[in-house]
Amino acid sequence: MRIEQELFDWEGWDPVDELVIQVYKVKLKQDLGPLKAGQTFVCATLDFQRSVLEFWDSSNQSYKFTLQLNVTFVPKEDVNAQQE
């Protein structure tokens, strides 16, 4: 599952650049900092080039987060099970 699928649902999206997407009618699946699961936003931008995730609400207030990489070892048998 991709990072955006774990964090929120959305109704539409547009590519902004090769490593940037903008999604629309966003609903959080889990709490993120001060934001709560179930909270909705007009749009969000996921920028893998700058490692930034930013949400905008209906009053044009933005909420910006940095993305950090977490690397976890997955045994080969677990990888095979995930691919089935």
PDB file of N, CA and C in Angstrom:
ATOM      1  N   MET A   1       0.849  -1.183   0.000  1.00  0.00           N
ATOM      2  CA  MET A   1       0.000   0.000   0.000  1.00  0.00           C
ATOM      3  C   MET A   1       0.894   1.246   0.000  1.00  0.00           C
ATOM      4  N   ARG A   2       0.563   2.201  -0.832  1.00  0.00           N
ATOM      5  CA  ARG A   2       1.334   3.443  -0.908  1.00  0.00           C
ATOM      6  C   ARG A   2       1.023   4.337   0.286  1.00  0.00           C
ATOM      7  N   ILE A   3       1.930   5.262   0.570  1.00  0.00           N
ATOM      8  CA  ILE A   3       1.817   6.112   1.750  1.00  0.00           C
ATOM      9  C   ILE A   3       0.496   6.886   1.784  1.00  0.00           C
ATOM     10  N   GLU A   4       0.088   7.441   0.657  1.00  0.00           N
ATOM     11  CA  GLU A   4      -1.143   8.230   0.654  1.00  0.00           C
ATOM     12  C   GLU A   4      -2.367   7.363   0.925  1.00  0.00           C
ATOM     13  N   GLN A   5      -2.335   6.105   0.519  1.00  0.00           N
ATOM     14  CA  GLN A   5      -3.461   5.197   0.769  1.00  0.00           C
ATOM     15  C   GLN A   5      -3.585   4.840   2.242  1.00  0.00           C
ATOM     16  N   GLU A   6      -2.483   4.864   2.963  1.00  0.00           N
ATOM     17  CA  GLU A   6      -2.509   4.592   4.399  1.00  0.00           C
ATOM     18  C   GLU A   6      -2.995   5.799   5.186  1.00  0.00           C
ATOM     19  N   LEU A   7      -2.738   6.997   4.679  1.00  0.00           N
ATOM     20  CA  LEU A   7      -3.028   8.215   5.429  1.00  0.00           C
ATOM     21  C   LEU A   7      -4.407   8.814   5.168  1.00  0.00           C
ATOM     22  N   PHE A   8      -4.882   8.742   3.920  1.00  0.00           N
ATOM     23  CA  PHE A   8      -6.142   9.418   3.606  1.00  0.00           C
ATOM     24  C   PHE A   8      -6.814   8.816   2.385  1.00  0.00           C
ATOM     25  N   ASP A   9      -8.115   9.102   2.258  1.00  0.00           N
ATOM     26  CA  ASP A   9      -8.891   8.791   1.060  1.00  0.00           C
ATOM     27  C   ASP A   9      -9.063  10.082   0.273  1.00  0.00           C
ATOM     28  N   TRP A  10      -9.319   9.970  -1.026  1.00  0.00           N
ATOM     29  CA  TRP A  10      -9.526  11.144  -1.868  1.00  0.00           C
ATOM     30  C   TRP A  10     -10.425  10.756  -3.028  1.00  0.00           C
ATOM     31  N   GLU A  11     -10.992  11.785  -3.682  1.00  0.00           N
ATOM     32  CA  GLU A  11     -11.920  11.526  -4.781  1.00  0.00           C
ATOM     33  C   GLU A  11     -11.326  11.769  -6.161  1.00  0.00           C
ATOM     34  N   GLY A  12     -10.303  12.562  -6.258  1.00  0.00           N
ATOM     35  CA  GLY A  12      -9.675  12.821  -7.550  1.00  0.00           C
ATOM     36  C   GLY A  12      -8.237  13.261  -7.348  1.00  0.00           C
ATOM     37  N   TRP A  13      -7.462  13.222  -8.414  1.00  0.00           N
ATOM     38  CA  TRP A  13      -6.070  13.645  -8.300  1.00  0.00           C
ATOM     39  C   TRP A  13      -5.537  14.105  -9.653  1.00  0.00           C
ATOM     40  N   ASP A  14      -4.472  14.899  -9.587  1.00  0.00           N
ATOM     41  CA  ASP A  14      -3.767  15.372 -10.771  1.00  0.00           C
ATOM     42  C   ASP A  14      -2.273  15.271 -10.522  1.00  0.00           C
ATOM     43  N   PRO A  15      -1.509  14.857 -11.532  1.00  0.00           N
ATOM     44  CA  PRO A  15      -0.051  14.934 -11.395  1.00  0.00           C
ATOM     45  C   PRO A  15       0.368  16.398 -11.555  1.00  0.00           C
ATOM     46  N   VAL A  16       1.234  16.866 -10.685  1.00  0.00           N
ATOM     47  CA  VAL A  16       1.751  18.229 -10.778  1.00  0.00           C
ATOM     48  C   VAL A  16       3.115  18.200 -11.449  1.00  0.00           C
ATOM     49  N   ASP A  17       3.871  17.194 -11.117  1.00  0.00           N
ATOM     50  CA  ASP A  17       5.217  16.987 -11.649  1.00  0.00           C
ATOM     51  C   ASP A  17       5.497  15.492 -11.554  1.00  0.00           C
ATOM     52  N   GLU A  18       6.662  15.089 -11.962  1.00  0.00           N
ATOM     53  CA  GLU A  18       7.003  13.666 -11.942  1.00  0.00           C
ATOM     54  C   GLU A  18       6.906  13.056 -10.549  1.00  0.00           C
ATOM     55  N   LEU A  19       7.261  13.819  -9.521  1.00  0.00           N
ATOM     56  CA  LEU A  19       7.264  13.325  -8.147  1.00  0.00           C
ATOM     57  C   LEU A  19       6.278  14.059  -7.244  1.00  0.00           C
ATOM     58  N   VAL A  20       5.296  14.745  -7.842  1.00  0.00           N
ATOM     59  CA  VAL A  20       4.329  15.533  -7.065  1.00  0.00           C
ATOM     60  C   VAL A  20       2.925  15.237  -7.560  1.00  0.00           C
ATOM     61  N   ILE A  21       2.011  14.942  -6.612  1.00  0.00           N
ATOM     62  CA  ILE A  21       0.602  14.779  -6.969  1.00  0.00           C
ATOM     63  C   ILE A  21      -0.252  15.666  -6.066  1.00  0.00           C
ATOM     64  N   GLN A  22      -1.383  16.086  -6.605  1.00  0.00           N
ATOM     65  CA  GLN A  22      -2.360  16.835  -5.821  1.00  0.00           C
ATOM     66  C   GLN A  22      -3.643  16.022  -5.824  1.00  0.00           C
ATOM     67  N   VAL A  23      -4.206  15.828  -4.623  1.00  0.00           N
ATOM     68  CA  VAL A  23      -5.436  15.050  -4.474  1.00  0.00           C
ATOM     69  C   VAL A  23      -6.535  15.969  -3.958  1.00  0.00           C
ATOM     70  N   TYR A  24      -7.797  15.611  -4.265  1.00  0.00           N
ATOM     71  CA  TYR A  24      -8.934  16.470  -3.949  1.00  0.00           C
ATOM     72  C   TYR A  24      -9.961  15.731  -3.097  1.00  0.00           C
ATOM     73  N   LYS A  25     -10.727  16.519  -2.325  1.00  0.00           N
ATOM     74  CA  LYS A  25     -11.752  15.979  -1.431  1.00  0.00           C
ATOM     75  C   LYS A  25     -11.145  14.885  -0.556  1.00  0.00           C
ATOM     76  N   VAL A  26     -10.249  15.319   0.301  1.00  0.00           N
ATOM     77  CA  VAL A  26      -9.420  14.436   1.117  1.00  0.00           C
ATOM     78  C   VAL A  26     -10.062  14.198   2.486  1.00  0.00           C
ATOM     79  N   LYS A  27     -10.010  12.946   2.948  1.00  0.00           N
ATOM     80  CA  LYS A  27     -10.494  12.591   4.278  1.00  0.00           C
ATOM     81  C   LYS A  27      -9.431  11.746   4.966  1.00  0.00           C
ATOM     82  N   LEU A  28      -8.946  12.227   6.132  1.00  0.00           N
ATOM     83  CA  LEU A  28      -7.890  11.522   6.854  1.00  0.00           C
ATOM     84  C   LEU A  28      -8.376  10.192   7.407  1.00  0.00           C
ATOM     85  N   LYS A  29      -7.522   9.187   7.331  1.00  0.00           N
ATOM     86  CA  LYS A  29      -7.804   7.868   7.903  1.00  0.00           C
ATOM     87  C   LYS A  29      -7.241   7.738   9.314  1.00  0.00           C
ATOM     88  N   GLN A  30      -6.269   8.577   9.657  1.00  0.00           N
ATOM     89  CA  GLN A  30      -5.640   8.518  10.971  1.00  0.00           C
ATOM     90  C   GLN A  30      -5.218   9.913  11.405  1.00  0.00           C
ATOM     91  N   ASP A  31      -4.968  10.071  12.690  1.00  0.00           N
ATOM     92  CA  ASP A  31      -4.506  11.352  13.219  1.00  0.00           C
ATOM     93  C   ASP A  31      -3.114  11.662  12.659  1.00  0.00           C
ATOM     94  N   LEU A  32      -2.904  12.944  12.335  1.00  0.00           N
ATOM     95  CA  LEU A  32      -1.593  13.444  11.901  1.00  0.00           C
ATOM     96  C   LEU A  32      -1.334  14.749  12.644  1.00  0.00           C
ATOM     97  N   GLY A  33      -0.430  14.728  13.602  1.00  0.00           N
ATOM     98  CA  GLY A  33      -0.169  15.938  14.386  1.00  0.00           C
ATOM     99  C   GLY A  33      -1.467  16.473  14.966  1.00  0.00           C
ATOM    100  N   PRO A  34      -1.806  17.750  14.693  1.00  0.00           N
ATOM    101  CA  PRO A  34      -3.036  18.332  15.241  1.00  0.00           C
ATOM    102  C   PRO A  34      -4.302  17.915  14.480  1.00  0.00           C
ATOM    103  N   LEU A  35      -4.132  17.261  13.347  1.00  0.00           N
ATOM    104  CA  LEU A  35      -5.274  16.861  12.523  1.00  0.00           C
ATOM    105  C   LEU A  35      -5.812  15.518  12.996  1.00  0.00           C
ATOM    106  N   LYS A  36      -7.131  15.349  12.921  1.00  0.00           N
ATOM    107  CA  LYS A  36      -7.782  14.150  13.438  1.00  0.00           C
ATOM    108  C   LYS A  36      -8.356  13.283  12.322  1.00  0.00           C
ATOM    109  N   ALA A  37      -8.352  11.979  12.559  1.00  0.00           N
ATOM    110  CA  ALA A  37      -8.963  11.034  11.623  1.00  0.00           C
ATOM    111  C   ALA A  37     -10.402  11.464  11.361  1.00  0.00           C
ATOM    112  N   GLY A  38     -10.825  11.406  10.102  1.00  0.00           N
ATOM    113  CA  GLY A  38     -12.167  11.823   9.721  1.00  0.00           C
ATOM    114  C   GLY A  38     -12.244  13.269   9.268  1.00  0.00           C
ATOM    115  N   GLN A  39     -11.222  14.061   9.591  1.00  0.00           N
ATOM    116  CA  GLN A  39     -11.194  15.461   9.172  1.00  0.00           C
ATOM    117  C   GLN A  39     -11.068  15.524   7.653  1.00  0.00           C
ATOM    118  N   THR A  40     -11.730  16.506   7.034  1.00  0.00           N
ATOM    119  CA  THR A  40     -11.720  16.621   5.579  1.00  0.00           C
ATOM    120  C   THR A  40     -11.013  17.893   5.130  1.00  0.00           C
ATOM    121  N   PHE A  41     -10.496  17.835   3.900  1.00  0.00           N
ATOM    122  CA  PHE A  41      -9.762  18.951   3.320  1.00  0.00           C
ATOM    123  C   PHE A  41     -10.122  19.093   1.851  1.00  0.00           C
ATOM    124  N   VAL A  42     -10.009  20.302   1.358  1.00  0.00           N
ATOM    125  CA  VAL A  42     -10.281  20.571  -0.053  1.00  0.00           C
ATOM    126  C   VAL A  42      -9.279  19.831  -0.920  1.00  0.00           C
ATOM    127  N   CYS A  43      -7.992  19.889  -0.532  1.00  0.00           N
ATOM    128  CA  CYS A  43      -6.959  19.202  -1.303  1.00  0.00           C
ATOM    129  C   CYS A  43      -5.726  18.973  -0.449  1.00  0.00           C
ATOM    130  N   ALA A  44      -4.836  18.171  -1.000  1.00  0.00           N
ATOM    131  CA  ALA A  44      -3.535  17.920  -0.389  1.00  0.00           C
ATOM    132  C   ALA A  44      -2.521  17.738  -1.499  1.00  0.00           C
ATOM    133  N   THR A  45      -1.284  18.140  -1.216  1.00  0.00           N
ATOM    134  CA  THR A  45      -0.191  17.952  -2.156  1.00  0.00           C
ATOM    135  C   THR A  45       0.836  17.033  -1.515  1.00  0.00           C
ATOM    136  N   LEU A  46       1.208  16.017  -2.256  1.00  0.00           N
ATOM    137  CA  LEU A  46       2.221  15.071  -1.810  1.00  0.00           C
ATOM    138  C   LEU A  46       3.427  15.245  -2.727  1.00  0.00           C
ATOM    139  N   ASP A  47       4.491  15.820  -2.167  1.00  0.00           N
ATOM    140  CA  ASP A  47       5.683  16.172  -2.939  1.00  0.00           C
ATOM    141  C   ASP A  47       6.849  15.301  -2.481  1.00  0.00           C
ATOM    142  N   PHE A  48       7.122  14.239  -3.233  1.00  0.00           N
ATOM    143  CA  PHE A  48       8.209  13.338  -2.875  1.00  0.00           C
ATOM    144  C   PHE A  48       9.580  13.945  -3.160  1.00  0.00           C
ATOM    145  N   GLN A  49       9.649  14.924  -4.031  1.00  0.00           N
ATOM    146  CA  GLN A  49      10.925  15.575  -4.348  1.00  0.00           C
ATOM    147  C   GLN A  49      11.427  16.394  -3.154  1.00  0.00           C
ATOM    148  N   ARG A  50      10.518  17.087  -2.469  1.00  0.00           N
ATOM    149  CA  ARG A  50      10.887  17.906  -1.299  1.00  0.00           C
ATOM    150  C   ARG A  50      10.541  17.225   0.023  1.00  0.00           C
ATOM    151  N   SER A  51       9.949  16.030  -0.032  1.00  0.00           N
ATOM    152  CA  SER A  51       9.519  15.280   1.161  1.00  0.00           C
ATOM    153  C   SER A  51       8.529  16.087   2.002  1.00  0.00           C
ATOM    154  N   VAL A  52       7.486  16.581   1.326  1.00  0.00           N
ATOM    155  CA  VAL A  52       6.481  17.415   1.991  1.00  0.00           C
ATOM    156  C   VAL A  52       5.075  16.912   1.666  1.00  0.00           C
ATOM    157  N   LEU A  53       4.230  16.906   2.693  1.00  0.00           N
ATOM    158  CA  LEU A  53       2.804  16.630   2.547  1.00  0.00           C
ATOM    159  C   LEU A  53       2.072  17.835   3.116  1.00  0.00           C
ATOM    160  N   GLU A  54       1.192  18.443   2.313  1.00  0.00           N
ATOM    161  CA  GLU A  54       0.489  19.652   2.763  1.00  0.00           C
ATOM    162  C   GLU A  54      -0.993  19.538   2.459  1.00  0.00           C
ATOM    163  N   PHE A  55      -1.810  19.870   3.465  1.00  0.00           N
ATOM    164  CA  PHE A  55      -3.273  19.848   3.351  1.00  0.00           C
ATOM    165  C   PHE A  55      -3.808  21.271   3.370  1.00  0.00           C
ATOM    166  N   TRP A  56      -4.918  21.529   2.632  1.00  0.00           N
ATOM    167  CA  TRP A  56      -5.609  22.816   2.662  1.00  0.00           C
ATOM    168  C   TRP A  56      -7.070  22.588   3.004  1.00  0.00           C
ATOM    169  N   ASP A  57      -7.564  23.375   3.973  1.00  0.00           N
ATOM    170  CA  ASP A  57      -8.985  23.260   4.326  1.00  0.00           C
ATOM    171  C   ASP A  57      -9.805  24.283   3.548  1.00  0.00           C
ATOM    172  N   SER A  58     -11.104  24.323   3.806  1.00  0.00           N
ATOM    173  CA  SER A  58     -12.008  25.185   3.035  1.00  0.00           C
ATOM    174  C   SER A  58     -11.776  26.676   3.281  1.00  0.00           C
ATOM    175  N   SER A  59     -11.086  27.045   4.366  1.00  0.00           N
ATOM    176  CA  SER A  59     -10.766  28.459   4.604  1.00  0.00           C
ATOM    177  C   SER A  59      -9.358  28.809   4.099  1.00  0.00           C
ATOM    178  N   ASN A  60      -8.765  27.915   3.299  1.00  0.00           N
ATOM    179  CA  ASN A  60      -7.437  28.086   2.704  1.00  0.00           C
ATOM    180  C   ASN A  60      -6.308  28.045   3.736  1.00  0.00           C
ATOM    181  N   GLN A  61      -6.596  27.496   4.918  1.00  0.00           N
ATOM    182  CA  GLN A  61      -5.563  27.260   5.934  1.00  0.00           C
ATOM    183  C   GLN A  61      -4.771  26.024   5.514  1.00  0.00           C
ATOM    184  N   SER A  62      -3.458  26.099   5.585  1.00  0.00           N
ATOM    185  CA  SER A  62      -2.647  24.935   5.201  1.00  0.00           C
ATOM    186  C   SER A  62      -1.980  24.307   6.413  1.00  0.00           C
ATOM    187  N   TYR A  63      -1.720  23.020   6.307  1.00  0.00           N
ATOM    188  CA  TYR A  63      -1.067  22.228   7.353  1.00  0.00           C
ATOM    189  C   TYR A  63       0.031  21.431   6.662  1.00  0.00           C
ATOM    190  N   LYS A  64       1.284  21.729   7.003  1.00  0.00           N
ATOM    191  CA  LYS A  64       2.419  21.145   6.292  1.00  0.00           C
ATOM    192  C   LYS A  64       3.160  20.149   7.181  1.00  0.00           C
ATOM    193  N   PHE A  65       3.530  19.029   6.579  1.00  0.00           N
ATOM    194  CA  PHE A  65       4.269  17.969   7.257  1.00  0.00           C
ATOM    195  C   PHE A  65       5.477  17.589   6.415  1.00  0.00           C
ATOM    196  N   THR A  66       6.546  17.171   7.078  1.00  0.00           N
ATOM    197  CA  THR A  66       7.685  16.627   6.348  1.00  0.00           C
ATOM    198  C   THR A  66       7.582  15.105   6.364  1.00  0.00           C
ATOM    199  N   LEU A  67       8.022  14.497   5.284  1.00  0.00           N
ATOM    200  CA  LEU A  67       8.033  13.039   5.171  1.00  0.00           C
ATOM    201  C   LEU A  67       9.431  12.552   5.515  1.00  0.00           C
ATOM    202  N   GLN A  68       9.501  11.502   6.325  1.00  0.00           N
ATOM    203  CA  GLN A  68      10.783  10.911   6.687  1.00  0.00           C
ATOM    204  C   GLN A  68      10.763   9.436   6.334  1.00  0.00           C
ATOM    205  N   LEU A  69      11.877   8.954   5.867  1.00  0.00           N
ATOM    206  CA  LEU A  69      11.998   7.565   5.457  1.00  0.00           C
ATOM    207  C   LEU A  69      12.297   6.692   6.665  1.00  0.00           C
ATOM    208  N   ASN A  70      11.563   5.591   6.789  1.00  0.00           N
ATOM    209  CA  ASN A  70      11.797   4.596   7.821  1.00  0.00           C
ATOM    210  C   ASN A  70      12.012   3.274   7.102  1.00  0.00           C
ATOM    211  N   VAL A  71      13.184   2.677   7.263  1.00  0.00           N
ATOM    212  CA  VAL A  71      13.510   1.438   6.570  1.00  0.00           C
ATOM    213  C   VAL A  71      13.422   0.285   7.569  1.00  0.00           C
ATOM    214  N   THR A  72      12.611  -0.716   7.219  1.00  0.00           N
ATOM    215  CA  THR A  72      12.426  -1.886   8.071  1.00  0.00           C
ATOM    216  C   THR A  72      12.685  -3.145   7.254  1.00  0.00           C
ATOM    217  N   PHE A  73      13.463  -4.043   7.793  1.00  0.00           N
ATOM    218  CA  PHE A  73      13.766  -5.297   7.121  1.00  0.00           C
ATOM    219  C   PHE A  73      12.517  -6.170   7.059  1.00  0.00           C
ATOM    220  N   VAL A  74      12.246  -6.738   5.879  1.00  0.00           N
ATOM    221  CA  VAL A  74      11.134  -7.657   5.688  1.00  0.00           C
ATOM    222  C   VAL A  74      11.714  -8.981   5.204  1.00  0.00           C
ATOM    223  N   PRO A  75      11.565 -10.058   5.997  1.00  0.00           N
ATOM    224  CA  PRO A  75      12.074 -11.360   5.560  1.00  0.00           C
ATOM    225  C   PRO A  75      11.445 -11.776   4.230  1.00  0.00           C
ATOM    226  N   LYS A  76      12.205 -12.525   3.437  1.00  0.00           N
ATOM    227  CA  LYS A  76      11.771 -12.916   2.096  1.00  0.00           C
ATOM    228  C   LYS A  76      10.407 -13.589   2.103  1.00  0.00           C
ATOM    229  N   GLU A  77      10.138 -14.458   3.076  1.00  0.00           N
ATOM    230  CA  GLU A  77       8.839 -15.144   3.112  1.00  0.00           C
ATOM    231  C   GLU A  77       7.686 -14.162   3.326  1.00  0.00           C
ATOM    232  N   ASP A  78       7.918 -13.071   4.067  1.00  0.00           N
ATOM    233  CA  ASP A  78       6.877 -12.048   4.256  1.00  0.00           C
ATOM    234  C   ASP A  78       6.639 -11.264   2.974  1.00  0.00           C
ATOM    235  N   VAL A  79       7.696 -10.987   2.224  1.00  0.00           N
ATOM    236  CA  VAL A  79       7.565 -10.276   0.947  1.00  0.00           C
ATOM    237  C   VAL A  79       6.733 -11.122  -0.014  1.00  0.00           C
ATOM    238  N   ASN A  80       7.040 -12.403  -0.100  1.00  0.00           N
ATOM    239  CA  ASN A  80       6.284 -13.299  -0.998  1.00  0.00           C
ATOM    240  C   ASN A  80       4.812 -13.356  -0.603  1.00  0.00           C
ATOM    241  N   ALA A  81       4.515 -13.384   0.674  1.00  0.00           N
ATOM    242  CA  ALA A  81       3.123 -13.428   1.135  1.00  0.00           C
ATOM    243  C   ALA A  81       2.381 -12.147   0.771  1.00  0.00           C
ATOM    244  N   GLN A  82       3.054 -10.999   0.835  1.00  0.00           N
ATOM    245  CA  GLN A  82       2.418  -9.722   0.492  1.00  0.00           C
ATOM    246  C   GLN A  82       2.115  -9.629  -0.980  1.00  0.00           C
ATOM    247  N   GLN A  83       2.889 -10.285  -1.821  1.00  0.00           N
ATOM    248  CA  GLN A  83       2.707 -10.201  -3.277  1.00  0.00           C
ATOM    249  C   GLN A  83       1.603 -11.106  -3.779  1.00  0.00           C
ATOM    250  N   GLU A  84       1.142 -12.040  -2.955  1.00  0.00           N
ATOM    251  CA  GLU A  84       0.097 -12.972  -3.395  1.00  0.00           C
ATOM    252  C   GLU A  84      -1.271 -12.370  -3.314  1.00  0.00           C
TER     253      GLU A  84
END
